[in-house]
């Protein structure tokens, strides 16, 4: 069974928390993680590029010139793809589908692997609880400095991404943390493998871990 150190808001060590081996101690298979990550990225993809065929272009209903006797090639419409201003042949269309289906069990497995990796890398940080006197960014930023050892003028901080998993909605924390660069806030029950892999640290509370373990019992 894995254990993680629990800190208070000042960055002081309090105790160690036992973690469920079914969630935070699974065998890591990179192929499963790759399968789920590519599926999630494909499902997020927006189909924006769309070209018009000759039938969708406005105008071109009149035959440019008569069929015979001009010495020029036959033409039925000025919106032909071989004309300037005409339709596009084999261009990208908005009816393309990039969706990929992955079973829930596989998604869950990939999430557990990502969480296990965070524990092994000592990048899962547990707080006993958040208690803000005011919803101010300066206060919450000082808490992050205490628990992650971030220096305000360090170049490393710009490259550090933190995922804050909240056990329940807390408007005071959301207001205080929303302007901190590199910080992503989500309910702990909604995090996925992309969220975990895209950040350097996962920060949550003891209650957040309990909620996550109860969710995947």
C-alpha atoms as a PDB file:
ATOM      1  CA  UNK A   1       0.000   0.000   0.000  1.00  0.00           C
ATOM      2  CA  UNK A   2       1.386   3.401  -1.008  1.00  0.00           C
ATOM      3  CA  UNK A   3       1.703   6.274   1.432  1.00  0.00           C
ATOM      4  CA  UNK A   4       1.770  10.015   0.796  1.00  0.00           C
ATOM      5  CA  UNK A   5       2.835  12.777   3.137  1.00  0.00           C
ATOM      6  CA  UNK A   6       0.089  15.164   4.273  1.00  0.00           C
ATOM      7  CA  UNK A   7       0.948  18.858   4.698  1.00  0.00           C
ATOM      8  CA  UNK A   8      -0.789  21.866   6.142  1.00  0.00           C
ATOM      9  CA  UNK A   9      -1.088  25.222   4.381  1.00  0.00           C
ATOM     10  CA  UNK A  10       2.282  26.328   5.769  1.00  0.00           C
ATOM     11  CA  UNK A  11       4.038  23.377   4.161  1.00  0.00           C
ATOM     12  CA  UNK A  12       4.599  21.585   7.470  1.00  0.00           C
ATOM     13  CA  UNK A  13       4.441  17.789   7.599  1.00  0.00           C
ATOM     14  CA  UNK A  14       1.509  16.405   9.567  1.00  0.00           C
ATOM     15  CA  UNK A  15       1.102  12.674   8.960  1.00  0.00           C
ATOM     16  CA  UNK A  16       1.129  10.049   6.241  1.00  0.00           C
ATOM     17  CA  UNK A  17      -1.952   8.947   4.354  1.00  0.00           C
ATOM     18  CA  UNK A  18      -2.456   5.380   3.119  1.00  0.00           C
ATOM     19  CA  UNK A  19      -3.642   5.181  -0.485  1.00  0.00           C
ATOM     20  CA  UNK A  20      -5.703   2.482  -2.147  1.00  0.00           C
ATOM     21  CA  UNK A  21      -3.439   0.151  -4.116  1.00  0.00           C
ATOM     22  CA  UNK A  22      -6.303  -0.447  -6.584  1.00  0.00           C
ATOM     23  CA  UNK A  23      -6.070   3.186  -7.698  1.00  0.00           C
ATOM     24  CA  UNK A  24      -2.600   4.447  -6.768  1.00  0.00           C
ATOM     25  CA  UNK A  25      -0.611   1.216  -7.029  1.00  0.00           C
ATOM     26  CA  UNK A  26      -1.477  -0.386 -10.361  1.00  0.00           C
ATOM     27  CA  UNK A  27       0.876  -1.710 -13.014  1.00  0.00           C
ATOM     28  CA  UNK A  28       1.602   0.927 -15.665  1.00  0.00           C
ATOM     29  CA  UNK A  29       1.056   0.003 -19.311  1.00  0.00           C
ATOM     30  CA  UNK A  30       2.039   2.883 -21.670  1.00  0.00           C
ATOM     31  CA  UNK A  31       0.030   1.382 -24.558  1.00  0.00           C
ATOM     32  CA  UNK A  32      -3.232   1.694 -22.589  1.00  0.00           C
ATOM     33  CA  UNK A  33      -2.461   5.302 -21.648  1.00  0.00           C
ATOM     34  CA  UNK A  34      -1.620   6.111 -25.269  1.00  0.00           C
ATOM     35  CA  UNK A  35      -4.883   4.567 -26.476  1.00  0.00           C
ATOM     36  CA  UNK A  36      -7.005   6.632 -24.082  1.00  0.00           C
ATOM     37  CA  UNK A  37      -5.065   9.883 -24.558  1.00  0.00           C
ATOM     38  CA  UNK A  38      -5.323   9.754 -28.355  1.00  0.00           C
ATOM     39  CA  UNK A  39      -9.048   8.985 -28.089  1.00  0.00           C
ATOM     40  CA  UNK A  40      -9.685  11.900 -25.708  1.00  0.00           C
ATOM     41  CA  UNK A  41      -7.698  14.277 -27.912  1.00  0.00           C
ATOM     42  CA  UNK A  42      -9.564  13.114 -31.024  1.00  0.00           C
ATOM     43  CA  UNK A  43     -12.922  13.575 -29.294  1.00  0.00           C
ATOM     44  CA  UNK A  44     -11.972  17.147 -28.383  1.00  0.00           C
ATOM     45  CA  UNK A  45     -11.038  17.956 -31.968  1.00  0.00           C
ATOM     46  CA  UNK A  46     -13.241  20.514 -33.691  1.00  0.00           C
ATOM     47  CA  UNK A  47     -14.003  20.236 -37.397  1.00  0.00           C
ATOM     48  CA  UNK A  48     -13.570  23.815 -38.577  1.00  0.00           C
ATOM     49  CA  UNK A  49     -12.220  23.614 -42.138  1.00  0.00           C
ATOM     50  CA  UNK A  50     -15.003  23.355 -44.707  1.00  0.00           C
ATOM     51  CA  UNK A  51     -14.755  23.984 -48.427  1.00  0.00           C
ATOM     52  CA  UNK A  52     -17.647  24.432 -50.847  1.00  0.00           C
ATOM     53  CA  UNK A  53     -18.250  22.255 -53.866  1.00  0.00           C
ATOM     54  CA  UNK A  54     -19.455  23.730 -57.177  1.00  0.00           C
ATOM     55  CA  UNK A  55     -23.067  23.090 -56.187  1.00  0.00           C
ATOM     56  CA  UNK A  56     -22.665  25.147 -52.998  1.00  0.00           C
ATOM     57  CA  UNK A  57     -21.001  28.170 -54.606  1.00  0.00           C
ATOM     58  CA  UNK A  58     -23.290  31.086 -55.296  1.00  0.00           C
ATOM     59  CA  UNK A  59     -23.922  31.949 -58.941  1.00  0.00           C
ATOM     60  CA  UNK A  60     -22.740  30.082 -62.003  1.00  0.00           C
ATOM     61  CA  UNK A  61     -26.210  29.082 -63.126  1.00  0.00           C
ATOM     62  CA  UNK A  62     -25.830  30.608 -66.574  1.00  0.00           C
ATOM     63  CA  UNK A  63     -23.753  28.873 -69.222  1.00  0.00           C
ATOM     64  CA  UNK A  64     -20.727  31.161 -69.852  1.00  0.00           C
ATOM     65  CA  UNK A  65     -20.881  30.789 -73.637  1.00  0.00           C
ATOM     66  CA  UNK A  66     -22.566  28.622 -76.232  1.00  0.00           C
ATOM     67  CA  UNK A  67     -21.549  25.003 -76.625  1.00  0.00           C
ATOM     68  CA  UNK A  68     -20.070  25.185 -80.124  1.00  0.00           C
ATOM     69  CA  UNK A  69     -18.578  27.648 -82.521  1.00  0.00           C
ATOM     70  CA  UNK A  70     -16.425  29.786 -80.186  1.00  0.00           C
ATOM     71  CA  UNK A  71     -13.197  27.800 -80.450  1.00  0.00           C
ATOM     72  CA  UNK A  72     -13.031  27.539 -76.696  1.00  0.00           C
ATOM     73  CA  UNK A  73     -13.486  24.501 -74.499  1.00  0.00           C
ATOM     74  CA  UNK A  74     -16.991  23.546 -73.425  1.00  0.00           C
ATOM     75  CA  UNK A  75     -18.093  25.204 -70.155  1.00  0.00           C
ATOM     76  CA  UNK A  76     -21.347  24.739 -68.300  1.00  0.00           C
ATOM     77  CA  UNK A  77     -20.756  26.892 -65.219  1.00  0.00           C
ATOM     78  CA  UNK A  78     -18.331  29.558 -64.006  1.00  0.00           C
ATOM     79  CA  UNK A  79     -18.281  27.780 -60.639  1.00  0.00           C
ATOM     80  CA  UNK A  80     -16.510  24.724 -62.032  1.00  0.00           C
ATOM     81  CA  UNK A  81     -13.516  23.651 -59.883  1.00  0.00           C
ATOM     82  CA  UNK A  82     -11.115  24.405 -62.754  1.00  0.00           C
ATOM     83  CA  UNK A  83     -12.209  28.072 -62.781  1.00  0.00           C
ATOM     84  CA  UNK A  84     -10.953  30.800 -60.454  1.00  0.00           C
ATOM     85  CA  UNK A  85     -13.683  31.395 -57.879  1.00  0.00           C
ATOM     86  CA  UNK A  86     -15.161  27.989 -58.503  1.00  0.00           C
ATOM     87  CA  UNK A  87     -15.811  25.115 -56.108  1.00  0.00           C
ATOM     88  CA  UNK A  88     -13.091  22.993 -54.480  1.00  0.00           C
ATOM     89  CA  UNK A  89     -12.532  19.355 -55.387  1.00  0.00           C
ATOM     90  CA  UNK A  90     -11.685  16.930 -52.555  1.00  0.00           C
ATOM     91  CA  UNK A  91     -11.316  19.754 -50.014  1.00  0.00           C
ATOM     92  CA  UNK A  92     -11.874  19.330 -46.243  1.00  0.00           C
ATOM     93  CA  UNK A  93     -15.536  19.006 -45.251  1.00  0.00           C
ATOM     94  CA  UNK A  94     -17.304  19.644 -41.950  1.00  0.00           C
ATOM     95  CA  UNK A  95     -18.959  16.224 -41.939  1.00  0.00           C
ATOM     96  CA  UNK A  96     -15.648  14.508 -41.032  1.00  0.00           C
ATOM     97  CA  UNK A  97     -15.799  12.463 -37.850  1.00  0.00           C
ATOM     98  CA  UNK A  98     -12.735  12.069 -35.622  1.00  0.00           C
ATOM     99  CA  UNK A  99     -14.551  10.459 -32.699  1.00  0.00           C
ATOM    100  CA  UNK A 100     -12.991   7.390 -31.107  1.00  0.00           C
ATOM    101  CA  UNK A 101     -14.795   5.124 -28.692  1.00  0.00           C
ATOM    102  CA  UNK A 102     -13.007   3.771 -25.632  1.00  0.00           C
ATOM    103  CA  UNK A 103     -14.640   1.627 -22.971  1.00  0.00           C
ATOM    104  CA  UNK A 104     -15.162   3.118 -19.516  1.00  0.00           C
ATOM    105  CA  UNK A 105     -13.058   0.394 -17.921  1.00  0.00           C
ATOM    106  CA  UNK A 106     -10.102   1.237 -20.144  1.00  0.00           C
ATOM    107  CA  UNK A 107     -10.438   4.983 -19.396  1.00  0.00           C
ATOM    108  CA  UNK A 108     -10.544   4.213 -15.693  1.00  0.00           C
ATOM    109  CA  UNK A 109      -7.509   1.954 -15.981  1.00  0.00           C
ATOM    110  CA  UNK A 110      -5.509   4.671 -17.752  1.00  0.00           C
ATOM    111  CA  UNK A 111      -6.458   7.205 -15.059  1.00  0.00           C
ATOM    112  CA  UNK A 112      -5.271   4.849 -12.322  1.00  0.00           C
ATOM    113  CA  UNK A 113      -1.967   4.386 -14.155  1.00  0.00           C
ATOM    114  CA  UNK A 114      -1.465   8.152 -14.413  1.00  0.00           C
ATOM    115  CA  UNK A 115      -2.261   8.578 -10.703  1.00  0.00           C
ATOM    116  CA  UNK A 116       0.129   5.748  -9.817  1.00  0.00           C
ATOM    117  CA  UNK A 117       2.862   7.508 -11.801  1.00  0.00           C
ATOM    118  CA  UNK A 118       2.219  10.740  -9.882  1.00  0.00           C
ATOM    119  CA  UNK A 119       2.622   8.885  -6.570  1.00  0.00           C
ATOM    120  CA  UNK A 120       5.837   7.184  -7.709  1.00  0.00           C
ATOM    121  CA  UNK A 121       7.255  10.515  -8.895  1.00  0.00           C
ATOM    122  CA  UNK A 122       6.244  12.139  -5.556  1.00  0.00           C
ATOM    123  CA  UNK A 123       4.129  14.692  -7.389  1.00  0.00           C
ATOM    124  CA  UNK A 124       0.859  13.972  -5.624  1.00  0.00           C
ATOM    125  CA  UNK A 125       0.593  16.568  -2.854  1.00  0.00           C
ATOM    126  CA  UNK A 126      -1.972  16.231  -0.091  1.00  0.00           C
ATOM    127  CA  UNK A 127      -3.224  19.047   2.117  1.00  0.00           C
ATOM    128  CA  UNK A 128      -5.191  18.367   5.270  1.00  0.00           C
ATOM    129  CA  UNK A 129      -7.641  21.115   4.218  1.00  0.00           C
ATOM    130  CA  UNK A 130      -7.794  24.537   2.613  1.00  0.00           C
ATOM    131  CA  UNK A 131      -8.882  27.355   4.874  1.00  0.00           C
ATOM    132  CA  UNK A 132      -8.710  30.807   3.274  1.00  0.00           C
ATOM    133  CA  UNK A 133      -9.475  33.890   5.319  1.00  0.00           C
ATOM    134  CA  UNK A 134     -10.133  35.859   2.114  1.00  0.00           C
ATOM    135  CA  UNK A 135     -10.565  35.008  -1.571  1.00  0.00           C
ATOM    136  CA  UNK A 136      -7.277  36.635  -2.565  1.00  0.00           C
ATOM    137  CA  UNK A 137      -4.779  35.373  -5.111  1.00  0.00           C
ATOM    138  CA  UNK A 138      -1.841  36.470  -2.953  1.00  0.00           C
ATOM    139  CA  UNK A 139      -2.984  34.237  -0.091  1.00  0.00           C
ATOM    140  CA  UNK A 140      -3.522  31.163  -2.237  1.00  0.00           C
ATOM    141  CA  UNK A 141      -0.268  31.726  -4.125  1.00  0.00           C
ATOM    142  CA  UNK A 142       1.629  31.727  -0.825  1.00  0.00           C
ATOM    143  CA  UNK A 143       0.031  28.353   0.002  1.00  0.00           C
ATOM    144  CA  UNK A 144       1.268  26.956  -3.327  1.00  0.00           C
ATOM    145  CA  UNK A 145       4.747  28.276  -2.578  1.00  0.00           C
ATOM    146  CA  UNK A 146       4.688  26.528   0.776  1.00  0.00           C
ATOM    147  CA  UNK A 147       3.583  23.120  -0.469  1.00  0.00           C
ATOM    148  CA  UNK A 148       5.317  22.984  -3.857  1.00  0.00           C
ATOM    149  CA  UNK A 149       8.337  25.137  -2.974  1.00  0.00           C
ATOM    150  CA  UNK A 150       7.700  27.560  -5.834  1.00  0.00           C
ATOM    151  CA  UNK A 151       9.839  30.684  -5.898  1.00  0.00           C
ATOM    152  CA  UNK A 152       7.967  33.682  -7.235  1.00  0.00           C
ATOM    153  CA  UNK A 153      10.822  34.888  -9.463  1.00  0.00           C
ATOM    154  CA  UNK A 154      12.079  31.467 -10.511  1.00  0.00           C
ATOM    155  CA  UNK A 155      12.061  30.575 -14.202  1.00  0.00           C
ATOM    156  CA  UNK A 156      11.047  27.060 -13.210  1.00  0.00           C
ATOM    157  CA  UNK A 157       7.684  28.289 -11.931  1.00  0.00           C
ATOM    158  CA  UNK A 158       6.671  29.343 -15.448  1.00  0.00           C
ATOM    159  CA  UNK A 159       7.090  25.748 -16.574  1.00  0.00           C
ATOM    160  CA  UNK A 160       5.267  24.172 -13.640  1.00  0.00           C
ATOM    161  CA  UNK A 161       1.656  23.188 -14.159  1.00  0.00           C
ATOM    162  CA  UNK A 162      -0.519  22.334 -11.191  1.00  0.00           C
ATOM    163  CA  UNK A 163      -3.847  20.488 -11.191  1.00  0.00           C
ATOM    164  CA  UNK A 164      -5.962  21.394  -8.187  1.00  0.00           C
ATOM    165  CA  UNK A 165      -8.587  18.729  -7.501  1.00  0.00           C
ATOM    166  CA  UNK A 166     -11.334  20.033  -5.225  1.00  0.00           C
ATOM    167  CA  UNK A 167     -13.512  17.571  -3.280  1.00  0.00           C
ATOM    168  CA  UNK A 168     -16.421  20.006  -3.585  1.00  0.00           C
ATOM    169  CA  UNK A 169     -17.098  23.398  -5.154  1.00  0.00           C
ATOM    170  CA  UNK A 170     -15.477  26.203  -3.175  1.00  0.00           C
ATOM    171  CA  UNK A 171     -16.048  29.658  -4.674  1.00  0.00           C
ATOM    172  CA  UNK A 172     -13.500  31.267  -2.355  1.00  0.00           C
ATOM    173  CA  UNK A 173     -10.709  28.990  -3.620  1.00  0.00           C
ATOM    174  CA  UNK A 174     -11.825  29.301  -7.253  1.00  0.00           C
ATOM    175  CA  UNK A 175     -11.782  33.112  -7.076  1.00  0.00           C
ATOM    176  CA  UNK A 176      -8.419  33.157  -5.346  1.00  0.00           C
ATOM    177  CA  UNK A 177      -6.741  30.681  -7.707  1.00  0.00           C
ATOM    178  CA  UNK A 178      -8.193  31.475 -11.133  1.00  0.00           C
ATOM    179  CA  UNK A 179      -5.543  34.106 -11.997  1.00  0.00           C
ATOM    180  CA  UNK A 180      -2.507  31.971 -11.138  1.00  0.00           C
ATOM    181  CA  UNK A 181      -0.637  30.971 -14.298  1.00  0.00           C
ATOM    182  CA  UNK A 182      -0.311  27.251 -14.911  1.00  0.00           C
ATOM    183  CA  UNK A 183      -2.970  26.317 -12.345  1.00  0.00           C
ATOM    184  CA  UNK A 184      -5.959  24.246 -13.475  1.00  0.00           C
ATOM    185  CA  UNK A 185      -8.927  23.779 -11.134  1.00  0.00           C
ATOM    186  CA  UNK A 186     -11.341  20.842 -11.464  1.00  0.00           C
ATOM    187  CA  UNK A 187     -13.581  18.767  -9.206  1.00  0.00           C
ATOM    188  CA  UNK A 188     -11.583  15.715  -8.153  1.00  0.00           C
ATOM    189  CA  UNK A 189     -14.405  13.492  -9.412  1.00  0.00           C
ATOM    190  CA  UNK A 190     -14.100  14.932 -12.955  1.00  0.00           C
ATOM    191  CA  UNK A 191     -10.372  14.594 -13.592  1.00  0.00           C
ATOM    192  CA  UNK A 192      -9.222  12.366 -16.448  1.00  0.00           C
ATOM    193  CA  UNK A 193      -5.919  10.950 -17.637  1.00  0.00           C
ATOM    194  CA  UNK A 194      -5.264  14.012 -19.839  1.00  0.00           C
ATOM    195  CA  UNK A 195      -5.589  16.356 -16.863  1.00  0.00           C
ATOM    196  CA  UNK A 196      -3.140  14.313 -14.804  1.00  0.00           C
ATOM    197  CA  UNK A 197      -0.545  13.880 -17.560  1.00  0.00           C
ATOM    198  CA  UNK A 198      -0.697  17.523 -18.655  1.00  0.00           C
ATOM    199  CA  UNK A 199       0.357  18.828 -15.227  1.00  0.00           C
ATOM    200  CA  UNK A 200       3.501  18.504 -13.130  1.00  0.00           C
ATOM    201  CA  UNK A 201       1.720  18.278  -9.777  1.00  0.00           C
ATOM    202  CA  UNK A 202      -1.651  17.063  -8.563  1.00  0.00           C
ATOM    203  CA  UNK A 203      -2.746  18.911  -5.433  1.00  0.00           C
ATOM    204  CA  UNK A 204      -5.794  17.853  -3.452  1.00  0.00           C
ATOM    205  CA  UNK A 205      -7.013  17.419   0.104  1.00  0.00           C
ATOM    206  CA  UNK A 206      -7.449  14.347   2.283  1.00  0.00           C
ATOM    207  CA  UNK A 207     -11.193  14.581   1.641  1.00  0.00           C
ATOM    208  CA  UNK A 208     -10.463  14.741  -2.089  1.00  0.00           C
ATOM    209  CA  UNK A 209      -8.577  11.432  -1.955  1.00  0.00           C
ATOM    210  CA  UNK A 210     -11.407   9.844   0.044  1.00  0.00           C
ATOM    211  CA  UNK A 211     -13.954  11.025  -2.505  1.00  0.00           C
ATOM    212  CA  UNK A 212     -11.841   9.670  -5.382  1.00  0.00           C
ATOM    213  CA  UNK A 213     -11.429   6.279  -3.691  1.00  0.00           C
ATOM    214  CA  UNK A 214     -15.146   6.046  -2.889  1.00  0.00           C
ATOM    215  CA  UNK A 215     -16.011   6.977  -6.484  1.00  0.00           C
ATOM    216  CA  UNK A 216     -14.017   4.064  -7.921  1.00  0.00           C
ATOM    217  CA  UNK A 217     -14.806   1.385  -5.332  1.00  0.00           C
END
